[in-house]
């Protein structure tokens, strides 16, 4: 057997052995590990290595290059885990490093988001936007800049991941960037000093209406709880209501979901419990509580709201602390524990089910469902009569299985053909850099008829076909996207996000449910007072000796 193949098989043996040892430890915690189980494990491992040995020696093409690693990392291990559930996952070294980076919410580099885009018929790496306050932002890098070279090395034929890796590096080191910019006579050169780049989980916090705060949490990472506390403090003591936007939030760290709930619930209230066969049941409570600060809350969710984001929305719904509006959430009630393995790889293994305070398990059924349908097909209606029924603190009916059902449904607007076409051609992004090539705007800028006419002329120059009959029904959307991209380029990403939030029809509908949230808050308070009064009036049991 070639040495490369032996190393690959050894890596797999290490992986399986780690899983086997973990399984034995698990079994010892819940019951004795039988000798037949150990023997079966060894036989299965022997069978696999025998199959791999036959493949490596007899496959029609030699297993050279990265084929052995792909067979293991992309085939055998993921295939084994997929049999268990859709969320147990194996991370190769690159994926594991990226996962840890996302959890930390920071890295060292220059601070920009880039992507490949066709420029003049050639695939180039384009800056989508620099993060505010980072080296690239301070130096004047702008959305739409085309990265020509990094430290003198051309970016031709490189993908965005390769260029991103070139831009990252130790704190305090220099990286030289050359870009082309529409309207500039020559290429622009930047000497950037790498720094720690925070990637906050809250991308927008603002007073969206007088006295009404708005927070959009993109994911739950190591500093999310602190970010939420800072955002609430920024609204001041007289906040009259809050929109908590969890749309598209895939989840993240359980501890940060708990920390977030702690800012809204009363001290001692249950947030979530998790149960698995390997470890005792664990229940998380609000350790500090909201210190009596109450205000109506509307939680906005959609099909992309998952995992830790469902923990938050479920806890606030069960305790009648918030009205949940939007679409039924993803339905991920499985908790993964991440194990670091050899060679900087990692295993995310499902070890628990989590339950909301009312006892709901909201995991969606995945038996007999393809991975594609499980992740992307949310159109199959689920009858409430087939789901478990639970009650909130004040007696409202809520359902388990298949995600968090909103109290009030708000559908995500369906895209029209012309909307999809404009986005596919980066029409608004490209128009913004074109419009600002030789001019600037102030914050009182509005998309008037002159701007619209210039936008239509630009579409013609880019050979994007349209009709006024197609544009007119979505004109508010067109104006919002033009303004958002221009504001992102001129003032930074946050100002662009503010424009989008102000237009967003789901956010505007969520605001209309603030009175219902206020009524719910009052009802929950009365129910809590009644429970307290009842508890005080219950006579103490007679003492026995």
Protein backbone atom coordinates (compact mmCIF):
# COMPACT_ATOMS: atom_id res chain seq x y z
CA UNK A 1 0.00 0.00 0.00
CA UNK A 2 1.53 3.43 -0.97
CA UNK A 3 2.66 5.61 1.93
CA UNK A 4 0.11 8.34 1.06
CA UNK A 5 -2.69 5.81 1.21
CA UNK A 6 -1.41 4.45 4.50
CA UNK A 7 -1.43 7.97 5.97
CA UNK A 8 -4.98 8.54 4.75
CA UNK A 9 -6.20 5.26 6.19
CA UNK A 10 -4.41 6.06 9.43
CA UNK A 11 -6.24 9.41 9.61
CA UNK A 12 -9.55 7.61 9.16
CA UNK A 13 -8.65 5.00 11.79
CA UNK A 14 -7.83 7.83 14.20
CA UNK A 15 -11.21 9.43 13.43
CA UNK A 16 -13.19 6.22 13.88
CA UNK A 17 -11.22 5.33 16.98
CA UNK A 18 -11.99 8.73 18.48
CA UNK A 19 -15.67 8.17 17.74
CA UNK A 20 -15.45 4.66 19.15
CA UNK A 21 -13.77 5.79 22.36
CA UNK A 22 -16.34 8.56 22.72
CA UNK A 23 -19.09 6.01 22.17
CA UNK A 24 -17.62 3.73 24.84
CA UNK A 25 -17.44 6.61 27.29
CA UNK A 26 -21.03 7.49 26.48
CA UNK A 27 -22.15 3.92 27.01
CA UNK A 28 -20.31 3.69 30.31
CA UNK A 29 -22.22 6.73 31.50
CA UNK A 30 -25.60 5.25 30.62
CA UNK A 31 -24.84 1.58 31.04
CA UNK A 32 -22.14 -1.04 30.70
CA UNK A 33 -20.38 -1.34 27.36
CA UNK A 34 -20.88 -4.90 26.21
CA UNK A 35 -18.03 -6.92 24.76
CA UNK A 36 -20.20 -7.67 21.71
CA UNK A 37 -20.53 -3.92 21.00
CA UNK A 38 -16.75 -3.49 21.14
CA UNK A 39 -16.25 -6.50 18.90
CA UNK A 40 -18.82 -5.19 16.41
CA UNK A 41 -17.04 -1.83 16.31
CA UNK A 42 -13.67 -3.48 15.61
CA UNK A 43 -15.20 -5.66 12.88
CA UNK A 44 -16.81 -2.64 11.21
CA UNK A 45 -13.53 -0.73 11.25
CA UNK A 46 -11.69 -3.75 9.82
CA UNK A 47 -14.30 -4.05 7.03
CA UNK A 48 -13.89 -0.42 6.06
CA UNK A 49 -10.09 -0.50 5.90
CA UNK A 50 -10.31 -3.66 3.79
CA UNK A 51 -12.66 -1.93 1.33
CA UNK A 52 -10.43 1.12 1.17
CA UNK A 53 -7.38 -1.08 0.56
CA UNK A 54 -9.10 -2.80 -2.38
CA UNK A 55 -10.18 0.57 -3.84
CA UNK A 56 -6.71 2.10 -3.51
CA UNK A 57 -5.05 -0.83 -5.29
CA UNK A 58 -7.59 -1.64 -8.00
CA UNK A 59 -9.56 1.53 -8.90
CA UNK A 60 -9.41 2.33 -12.64
CA UNK A 61 -7.45 5.51 -12.01
CA UNK A 62 -4.65 5.98 -9.46
CA UNK A 63 -5.65 7.61 -6.18
CA UNK A 64 -3.02 10.31 -6.35
CA UNK A 65 -2.98 14.03 -5.56
CA UNK A 66 -5.81 14.96 -3.21
CA UNK A 67 -8.06 12.04 -4.19
CA UNK A 68 -7.31 9.99 -1.05
CA UNK A 69 -8.16 12.93 1.21
CA UNK A 70 -11.32 13.65 -0.77
CA UNK A 71 -12.40 10.01 -0.51
CA UNK A 72 -12.12 10.25 3.28
CA UNK A 73 -12.97 13.88 4.09
CA UNK A 74 -15.64 14.41 1.42
CA UNK A 75 -16.92 10.85 1.14
CA UNK A 76 -16.55 8.28 3.88
CA UNK A 77 -16.81 10.43 6.99
CA UNK A 78 -19.63 12.78 5.83
CA UNK A 79 -21.49 9.76 4.45
CA UNK A 80 -21.35 8.03 7.81
CA UNK A 81 -22.55 11.13 9.65
CA UNK A 82 -25.40 11.80 7.18
CA UNK A 83 -26.90 8.43 8.14
CA UNK A 84 -27.29 9.76 11.69
CA UNK A 85 -28.88 13.18 11.12
CA UNK A 86 -28.51 16.24 8.86
CA UNK A 87 -26.51 18.29 11.38
CA UNK A 88 -23.69 16.02 12.55
CA UNK A 89 -20.77 17.20 10.47
CA UNK A 90 -17.05 16.73 9.87
CA UNK A 91 -14.75 19.73 9.37
CA UNK A 92 -11.53 19.41 7.41
CA UNK A 93 -8.72 21.74 8.55
CA UNK A 94 -9.89 24.72 6.45
CA UNK A 95 -13.54 24.34 7.43
CA UNK A 96 -12.65 23.84 11.08
CA UNK A 97 -10.52 26.99 11.15
CA UNK A 98 -13.33 28.97 9.47
CA UNK A 99 -15.90 27.61 11.94
CA UNK A 100 -13.74 28.65 14.90
CA UNK A 101 -13.20 32.07 13.33
CA UNK A 102 -16.96 32.54 12.97
CA UNK A 103 -17.52 31.55 16.59
CA UNK A 104 -14.90 34.01 17.83
CA UNK A 105 -16.36 36.77 15.66
CA UNK A 106 -12.93 38.19 14.79
CA UNK A 107 -9.81 37.58 12.73
CA UNK A 108 -6.65 39.44 11.66
CA UNK A 109 -6.68 41.15 8.30
CA UNK A 110 -7.80 44.36 6.60
CA UNK A 111 -11.59 44.08 6.94
CA UNK A 112 -13.53 43.77 3.72
CA UNK A 113 -16.03 41.48 2.01
CA UNK A 114 -15.07 40.42 -1.51
CA UNK A 115 -16.58 38.27 -4.22
CA UNK A 116 -15.89 37.24 -7.83
CA UNK A 117 -17.76 39.27 -10.42
CA UNK A 118 -17.63 39.66 -14.17
CA UNK A 119 -15.88 42.93 -15.06
CA UNK A 120 -15.68 43.67 -18.78
CA UNK A 121 -16.34 40.03 -19.50
CA UNK A 122 -13.47 38.89 -17.24
CA UNK A 123 -13.94 37.28 -13.84
CA UNK A 124 -12.34 39.58 -11.24
CA UNK A 125 -12.34 39.90 -7.43
CA UNK A 126 -14.45 42.89 -6.40
CA UNK A 127 -14.84 44.61 -3.02
CA UNK A 128 -18.47 44.41 -1.89
CA UNK A 129 -17.85 46.69 1.08
CA UNK A 130 -15.18 47.37 3.72
CA UNK A 131 -16.17 46.97 7.37
CA UNK A 132 -16.45 50.32 9.05
CA UNK A 133 -13.52 51.30 11.24
CA UNK A 134 -11.16 48.72 9.73
CA UNK A 135 -7.83 49.38 7.93
CA UNK A 136 -9.41 49.08 4.47
CA UNK A 137 -12.26 51.46 5.38
CA UNK A 138 -9.94 54.04 6.95
CA UNK A 139 -7.63 53.91 3.93
CA UNK A 140 -10.47 54.66 1.54
CA UNK A 141 -11.14 51.32 -0.14
CA UNK A 142 -14.65 51.50 -1.62
CA UNK A 143 -17.36 49.09 -2.76
CA UNK A 144 -16.81 48.23 -6.41
CA UNK A 145 -13.02 48.47 -6.29
CA UNK A 146 -11.50 45.68 -8.38
CA UNK A 147 -8.52 44.04 -6.68
CA UNK A 148 -5.72 43.81 -9.26
CA UNK A 149 -2.90 42.55 -7.05
CA UNK A 150 -1.97 41.79 -3.45
CA UNK A 151 1.68 42.33 -2.46
CA UNK A 152 2.53 42.50 -6.14
CA UNK A 153 0.92 39.14 -6.94
CA UNK A 154 -1.80 39.30 -9.54
CA UNK A 155 -5.27 38.09 -8.58
CA UNK A 156 -5.94 36.75 -12.08
CA UNK A 157 -7.44 33.25 -11.96
CA UNK A 158 -7.70 33.36 -8.14
CA UNK A 159 -10.96 32.80 -6.30
CA UNK A 160 -12.23 34.96 -3.44
CA UNK A 161 -11.04 32.51 -0.76
CA UNK A 162 -7.50 32.59 -2.12
CA UNK A 163 -7.47 36.39 -2.21
CA UNK A 164 -8.99 36.59 1.28
CA UNK A 165 -6.19 34.36 2.60
CA UNK A 166 -3.64 36.70 1.02
CA UNK A 167 -5.21 39.67 2.80
CA UNK A 168 -5.23 37.97 6.21
CA UNK A 169 -2.12 37.76 8.35
CA UNK A 170 -0.53 38.62 11.70
CA UNK A 171 -1.57 41.83 13.42
CA UNK A 172 0.69 44.79 12.60
CA UNK A 173 2.03 43.41 9.31
CA UNK A 174 1.70 45.31 6.04
CA UNK A 175 -0.14 44.24 2.91
CA UNK A 176 0.01 46.20 -0.36
CA UNK A 177 -3.19 46.37 -2.36
CA UNK A 178 -3.65 47.63 -5.91
CA UNK A 179 -7.18 48.29 -7.19
CA UNK A 180 -8.88 49.77 -10.21
CA UNK A 181 -11.83 52.09 -9.66
CA UNK A 182 -14.41 53.42 -12.08
CA UNK A 183 -13.75 57.12 -12.67
CA UNK A 184 -10.08 56.90 -11.61
CA UNK A 185 -7.52 57.59 -14.33
CA UNK A 186 -5.03 55.08 -12.95
CA UNK A 187 -4.85 52.17 -10.53
CA UNK A 188 -4.92 53.05 -6.83
CA UNK A 189 -2.37 51.66 -4.37
CA UNK A 190 -3.01 51.11 -0.66
CA UNK A 191 -0.52 50.18 2.05
CA UNK A 192 -2.68 48.58 4.73
CA UNK A 193 -1.61 47.45 8.20
CA UNK A 194 -3.40 44.32 9.31
CA UNK A 195 -5.36 44.55 12.55
CA UNK A 196 -7.87 42.57 14.57
CA UNK A 197 -11.10 42.66 12.59
CA UNK A 198 -14.20 42.31 14.75
CA UNK A 199 -17.18 40.80 12.98
CA UNK A 200 -20.09 41.69 15.26
CA UNK A 201 -23.17 39.50 15.30
CA UNK A 202 -25.41 42.59 15.33
CA UNK A 203 -25.06 44.36 12.01
CA UNK A 204 -27.75 46.97 12.68
CA UNK A 205 -29.12 48.57 15.84
CA UNK A 206 -31.13 51.76 15.60
CA UNK A 207 -34.21 53.58 16.81
CA UNK A 208 -36.36 52.68 13.85
CA UNK A 209 -39.31 54.74 15.13
CA UNK A 210 -39.44 57.24 17.99
CA UNK A 211 -38.98 55.13 21.14
CA UNK A 212 -38.90 51.83 19.19
CA UNK A 213 -35.56 50.04 19.00
CA UNK A 214 -34.55 47.64 16.23
CA UNK A 215 -31.84 44.96 16.54
CA UNK A 216 -30.85 42.54 13.78
CA UNK A 217 -28.76 39.58 15.01
CA UNK A 218 -27.06 37.72 12.16
CA UNK A 219 -25.79 34.78 14.27
CA UNK A 220 -24.93 33.86 17.85
CA UNK A 221 -21.19 34.02 18.49
CA UNK A 222 -18.96 34.57 21.49
CA UNK A 223 -19.86 38.23 22.14
CA UNK A 224 -23.52 38.29 21.12
CA UNK A 225 -24.91 38.61 24.66
CA UNK A 226 -22.68 41.61 25.36
CA UNK A 227 -23.58 43.16 21.99
CA UNK A 228 -27.30 42.86 22.79
CA UNK A 229 -26.76 44.50 26.19
CA UNK A 230 -24.84 47.37 24.55
CA UNK A 231 -27.55 47.80 21.90
CA UNK A 232 -30.30 47.99 24.53
CA UNK A 233 -28.27 50.53 26.52
CA UNK A 234 -27.86 52.66 23.39
CA UNK A 235 -31.65 53.09 23.15
CA UNK A 236 -31.78 54.71 26.58
CA UNK A 237 -34.06 54.11 29.56
CA UNK A 238 -37.25 55.34 27.90
CA UNK A 239 -37.52 52.67 25.20
CA UNK A 240 -41.17 51.96 24.42
CA UNK A 241 -40.74 48.80 22.35
CA UNK A 242 -38.31 46.56 20.46
CA UNK A 243 -38.20 44.75 17.13
CA UNK A 244 -35.81 41.80 17.47
CA UNK A 245 -35.04 40.63 13.94
CA UNK A 246 -33.82 37.01 13.76
CA UNK A 247 -34.56 36.40 10.08
CA UNK A 248 -31.87 34.37 8.35
CA UNK A 249 -30.08 33.73 11.64
CA UNK A 250 -28.71 30.15 11.40
CA UNK A 251 -27.98 29.92 15.14
CA UNK A 252 -24.59 29.48 16.73
CA UNK A 253 -23.55 29.23 20.36
CA UNK A 254 -26.16 28.00 22.83
CA UNK A 255 -24.55 29.99 25.65
CA UNK A 256 -25.04 33.25 23.74
CA UNK A 257 -28.68 32.46 23.00
CA UNK A 258 -29.13 31.96 26.75
CA UNK A 259 -27.27 35.21 27.47
CA UNK A 260 -29.53 37.07 25.03
CA UNK A 261 -32.71 35.71 26.62
CA UNK A 262 -31.36 36.70 30.02
CA UNK A 263 -31.68 40.36 28.97
CA UNK A 264 -35.44 40.04 28.49
CA UNK A 265 -36.75 37.46 30.97
CA UNK A 266 -37.18 37.57 34.73
CA UNK A 267 -34.48 36.15 36.94
CA UNK A 268 -34.97 32.42 37.41
CA UNK A 269 -37.18 31.80 34.38
CA UNK A 270 -36.30 28.74 32.31
CA UNK A 271 -34.74 29.52 28.95
CA UNK A 272 -34.02 26.07 27.48
CA UNK A 273 -33.28 22.53 28.55
CA UNK A 274 -31.21 19.96 26.72
CA UNK A 275 -31.42 16.20 26.99
CA UNK A 276 -29.17 13.50 25.59
CA UNK A 277 -28.25 9.95 26.48
CA UNK A 278 -24.59 10.70 27.27
CA UNK A 279 -25.06 13.41 29.86
CA UNK A 280 -27.59 14.43 32.51
CA UNK A 281 -30.38 16.79 31.52
CA UNK A 282 -29.27 20.40 31.75
CA UNK A 283 -31.61 23.34 32.22
CA UNK A 284 -30.59 26.95 31.65
CA UNK A 285 -32.27 29.75 33.62
CA UNK A 286 -32.11 33.53 33.46
CA UNK A 287 -29.28 34.21 35.90
CA UNK A 288 -29.58 37.99 36.07
CA UNK A 289 -32.92 38.86 34.47
CA UNK A 290 -34.17 42.13 33.05
CA UNK A 291 -34.18 43.94 36.43
CA UNK A 292 -37.84 44.82 35.96
CA UNK A 293 -37.28 46.63 32.65
CA UNK A 294 -40.23 45.59 30.53
CA UNK A 295 -41.45 46.83 27.16
CA UNK A 296 -43.33 45.18 24.30
CA UNK A 297 -41.18 43.01 22.03
CA UNK A 298 -41.92 41.75 18.53
CA UNK A 299 -39.62 38.97 17.30
CA UNK A 300 -39.37 38.74 13.50
CA UNK A 301 -38.53 35.29 12.09
CA UNK A 302 -38.53 33.40 8.79
CA UNK A 303 -37.71 29.95 7.41
CA UNK A 304 -33.99 30.71 7.85
CA UNK A 305 -34.31 31.29 11.60
CA UNK A 306 -32.72 28.20 13.13
CA UNK A 307 -31.18 26.55 16.18
CA UNK A 308 -30.00 29.12 18.76
CA UNK A 309 -32.25 31.73 17.13
CA UNK A 310 -35.19 29.36 17.68
CA UNK A 311 -34.16 28.96 21.32
CA UNK A 312 -34.51 32.73 21.76
CA UNK A 313 -37.80 33.06 19.89
CA UNK A 314 -39.24 29.96 21.61
CA UNK A 315 -38.26 31.10 25.12
CA UNK A 316 -39.71 34.59 24.64
CA UNK A 317 -42.89 33.13 23.14
CA UNK A 318 -43.37 30.51 25.88
CA UNK A 319 -43.02 33.11 28.63
CA UNK A 320 -45.36 35.52 26.79
CA UNK A 321 -42.50 38.00 26.69
CA UNK A 322 -42.80 38.65 22.95
CA UNK A 323 -45.11 38.35 19.99
CA UNK A 324 -43.45 36.21 17.29
CA UNK A 325 -44.31 37.24 13.73
CA UNK A 326 -43.17 36.09 10.30
CA UNK A 327 -42.85 32.55 8.96
CA UNK A 328 -42.50 29.18 10.67
CA UNK A 329 -38.85 28.80 11.59
CA UNK A 330 -36.45 26.15 10.29
CA UNK A 331 -37.04 23.53 12.98
CA UNK A 332 -33.61 22.55 14.33
CA UNK A 333 -33.89 21.10 17.82
CA UNK A 334 -30.63 19.16 17.75
CA UNK A 335 -27.56 20.40 19.63
CA UNK A 336 -24.06 19.58 18.40
CA UNK A 337 -20.94 19.25 20.52
CA UNK A 338 -17.74 20.07 18.62
CA UNK A 339 -14.81 17.72 19.21
CA UNK A 340 -11.34 18.71 17.99
CA UNK A 341 -9.67 15.76 16.29
CA UNK A 342 -6.19 15.18 14.91
CA UNK A 343 -4.65 17.29 12.12
CA UNK A 344 -6.79 20.32 13.09
CA UNK A 345 -9.99 18.64 12.00
CA UNK A 346 -13.23 18.71 13.95
CA UNK A 347 -16.38 16.70 14.51
CA UNK A 348 -19.72 18.35 15.26
CA UNK A 349 -21.76 15.50 16.73
CA UNK A 350 -25.40 15.70 17.77
CA UNK A 351 -25.38 15.01 21.51
CA UNK A 352 -28.62 16.62 22.73
CA UNK A 353 -32.16 17.55 21.88
CA UNK A 354 -33.23 20.93 23.20
CA UNK A 355 -36.65 21.83 24.58
CA UNK A 356 -38.29 25.22 25.00
CA UNK A 357 -39.58 26.26 28.47
CA UNK A 358 -43.05 24.80 27.76
CA UNK A 359 -41.43 21.46 26.83
CA UNK A 360 -41.56 21.77 23.04
CA UNK A 361 -39.13 19.83 20.87
CA UNK A 362 -39.19 21.79 17.62
CA UNK A 363 -36.97 19.51 15.49
CA UNK A 364 -38.37 19.04 11.99
CA UNK A 365 -38.77 15.52 10.65
CA UNK A 366 -35.84 14.42 8.47
CA UNK A 367 -36.64 10.72 8.02
CA UNK A 368 -36.85 9.80 4.35
CA UNK A 369 -36.15 13.40 3.29
CA UNK A 370 -33.28 14.38 1.02
CA UNK A 371 -30.74 16.86 2.35
CA UNK A 372 -31.83 19.37 -0.29
CA UNK A 373 -35.49 19.16 0.68
CA UNK A 374 -34.62 19.24 4.37
CA UNK A 375 -32.65 22.47 4.05
CA UNK A 376 -34.48 24.29 1.28
CA UNK A 377 -38.05 23.01 0.90
CA UNK A 378 -40.24 24.70 3.48
CA UNK A 379 -43.37 24.83 1.36
CA UNK A 380 -44.93 21.64 2.68
CA UNK A 381 -47.72 22.69 5.06
CA UNK A 382 -47.82 21.04 8.46
CA UNK A 383 -51.17 20.45 10.11
CA UNK A 384 -51.26 21.71 13.69
CA UNK A 385 -53.55 18.82 14.63
CA UNK A 386 -50.64 16.44 14.03
CA UNK A 387 -48.26 18.36 16.31
CA UNK A 388 -47.76 18.27 20.07
CA UNK A 389 -49.62 21.00 21.92
CA UNK A 390 -48.12 23.01 24.77
CA UNK A 391 -49.20 26.12 26.66
CA UNK A 392 -47.41 29.39 27.34
CA UNK A 393 -47.29 30.91 30.83
CA UNK A 394 -50.62 32.67 30.28
CA UNK A 395 -52.26 29.66 28.62
CA UNK A 396 -51.78 30.43 24.93
CA UNK A 397 -51.48 27.39 22.65
CA UNK A 398 -48.11 26.72 21.01
CA UNK A 399 -46.96 23.76 18.95
CA UNK A 400 -43.92 21.49 18.96
CA UNK A 401 -42.28 19.79 15.99
CA UNK A 402 -41.41 21.59 12.78
CA UNK A 403 -40.08 24.88 14.10
CA UNK A 404 -41.51 27.82 16.00
CA UNK A 405 -44.95 28.75 14.67
CA UNK A 406 -45.37 32.54 14.66
CA UNK A 407 -48.24 34.13 16.53
CA UNK A 408 -49.00 36.15 13.41
CA UNK A 409 -47.93 35.18 9.91
CA UNK A 410 -46.02 37.59 7.67
CA UNK A 411 -44.85 36.15 4.36
CA UNK A 412 -41.51 37.02 2.79
CA UNK A 413 -42.30 38.98 -0.39
CA UNK A 414 -41.96 36.88 -3.54
CA UNK A 415 -39.47 38.14 -6.09
CA UNK A 416 -40.65 39.03 -9.58
CA UNK A 417 -38.69 38.21 -12.72
CA UNK A 418 -37.33 41.74 -13.13
CA UNK A 419 -36.19 41.83 -9.50
CA UNK A 420 -34.24 38.61 -9.95
CA UNK A 421 -32.73 39.91 -13.18
CA UNK A 422 -31.55 43.18 -11.63
CA UNK A 423 -29.97 41.38 -8.71
CA UNK A 424 -28.35 38.74 -10.92
CA UNK A 425 -26.68 41.51 -12.97
CA UNK A 426 -25.53 43.44 -9.85
CA UNK A 427 -27.46 46.37 -11.31
CA UNK A 428 -27.74 48.43 -8.12
CA UNK A 429 -24.19 47.69 -6.94
CA UNK A 430 -22.67 48.62 -10.30
CA UNK A 431 -24.90 51.69 -10.69
CA UNK A 432 -23.80 53.03 -7.31
CA UNK A 433 -20.10 52.98 -8.22
CA UNK A 434 -20.97 54.48 -11.63
CA UNK A 435 -23.14 57.22 -10.10
CA UNK A 436 -20.51 58.15 -7.49
CA UNK A 437 -17.54 57.96 -9.84
CA UNK A 438 -17.45 61.75 -10.24
CA UNK A 439 -19.84 63.04 -7.59
CA UNK A 440 -20.78 62.72 -3.93
CA UNK A 441 -24.12 62.78 -2.14
CA UNK A 442 -25.32 63.97 1.26
CA UNK A 443 -27.62 62.14 3.66
CA UNK A 444 -30.67 64.05 2.40
CA UNK A 445 -30.21 62.33 -0.97
CA UNK A 446 -33.41 60.95 -2.50
CA UNK A 447 -33.98 58.86 -5.61
CA UNK A 448 -35.92 61.33 -7.77
CA UNK A 449 -36.92 61.18 -11.42
CA UNK A 450 -33.48 62.36 -12.56
CA UNK A 451 -31.76 59.56 -10.68
CA UNK A 452 -34.26 57.02 -11.99
CA UNK A 453 -33.72 58.15 -15.58
CA UNK A 454 -29.96 57.84 -15.13
CA UNK A 455 -30.46 54.36 -13.66
CA UNK A 456 -32.57 53.31 -16.67
CA UNK A 457 -29.91 54.63 -19.05
CA UNK A 458 -27.30 52.66 -17.12
CA UNK A 459 -29.37 49.48 -17.47
CA UNK A 460 -29.41 50.05 -21.23
CA UNK A 461 -25.64 50.46 -21.32
CA UNK A 462 -25.28 47.17 -19.43
CA UNK A 463 -27.70 45.42 -21.82
CA UNK A 464 -30.14 44.66 -18.99
CA UNK A 465 -33.54 44.43 -20.64
CA UNK A 466 -36.62 45.76 -18.83
CA UNK A 467 -39.94 47.49 -19.42
CA UNK A 468 -41.62 50.24 -17.41
CA UNK A 469 -44.53 47.83 -17.03
CA UNK A 470 -42.18 45.50 -15.11
CA UNK A 471 -40.47 48.22 -13.05
CA UNK A 472 -43.47 50.29 -11.97
CA UNK A 473 -45.06 47.69 -9.63
CA UNK A 474 -41.74 47.32 -7.75
CA UNK A 475 -40.62 50.95 -7.97
CA UNK A 476 -40.40 51.40 -4.18
CA UNK A 477 -38.07 48.40 -4.08
CA UNK A 478 -35.99 49.81 -6.95
CA UNK A 479 -35.63 53.20 -5.23
CA UNK A 480 -34.72 51.58 -1.91
CA UNK A 481 -32.01 49.45 -3.51
CA UNK A 482 -30.52 52.37 -5.44
CA UNK A 483 -30.39 54.51 -2.30
CA UNK A 484 -29.06 51.68 -0.13
CA UNK A 485 -26.15 50.90 -2.47
CA UNK A 486 -25.29 54.59 -2.91
CA UNK A 487 -25.35 55.11 0.87
CA UNK A 488 -23.22 51.98 1.42
CA UNK A 489 -20.60 53.31 -0.99
CA UNK A 490 -20.70 56.90 0.27
CA UNK A 491 -21.23 56.47 4.02
CA UNK A 492 -20.58 52.79 4.88
CA UNK A 493 -22.46 49.53 5.28
CA UNK A 494 -24.52 50.58 8.33
CA UNK A 495 -26.14 53.52 6.52
CA UNK A 496 -27.05 51.22 3.65
CA UNK A 497 -28.63 48.74 6.08
CA UNK A 498 -30.66 51.55 7.66
CA UNK A 499 -32.14 52.39 4.26
CA UNK A 500 -33.08 48.75 3.66
CA UNK A 501 -34.64 48.37 7.14
CA UNK A 502 -36.70 51.55 6.70
CA UNK A 503 -38.13 50.16 3.45
CA UNK A 504 -38.43 46.49 4.47
CA UNK A 505 -42.14 45.51 4.25
CA UNK A 506 -41.75 42.72 6.85
CA UNK A 507 -40.20 45.13 9.36
CA UNK A 508 -42.97 47.64 8.70
CA UNK A 509 -45.62 44.96 9.21
CA UNK A 510 -43.90 43.81 12.40
CA UNK A 511 -44.19 47.35 13.75
CA UNK A 512 -47.97 47.18 13.41
CA UNK A 513 -48.05 44.35 15.99
CA UNK A 514 -46.54 46.48 18.73
CA UNK A 515 -50.00 47.06 20.33
CA UNK A 516 -50.56 43.27 20.51
CA UNK A 517 -47.12 42.87 22.06
CA UNK A 518 -48.00 45.52 24.62
CA UNK A 519 -51.25 43.72 25.48
CA UNK A 520 -49.37 40.41 25.80
CA UNK A 521 -46.86 42.02 28.14
CA UNK A 522 -49.67 43.28 30.38
CA UNK A 523 -51.42 39.89 30.31
CA UNK A 524 -48.21 38.09 31.22
CA UNK A 525 -47.62 40.49 34.11
CA UNK A 526 -51.15 39.88 35.48
CA UNK A 527 -50.72 36.11 35.17
CA UNK A 528 -47.44 36.32 37.06
CA UNK A 529 -49.01 38.42 39.80
CA UNK A 530 -51.86 35.91 40.17
CA UNK A 531 -49.39 33.05 40.52
CA UNK A 532 -47.48 34.98 43.16
CA UNK A 533 -50.68 35.76 45.09
CA UNK A 534 -51.84 32.14 44.90
CA UNK A 535 -48.48 30.91 46.16
CA UNK A 536 -48.63 33.27 49.14
CA UNK A 537 -52.16 32.12 50.07
CA UNK A 538 -51.39 28.41 50.02
CA UNK A 539 -51.21 27.26 53.69
CA UNK A 540 -47.99 25.66 54.77
CA UNK A 541 -48.05 21.90 55.29
CA UNK A 542 -48.23 20.90 58.97
CA UNK A 543 -44.92 19.87 60.42
CA UNK A 544 -44.48 16.28 61.55
CA UNK A 545 -42.16 14.93 64.15
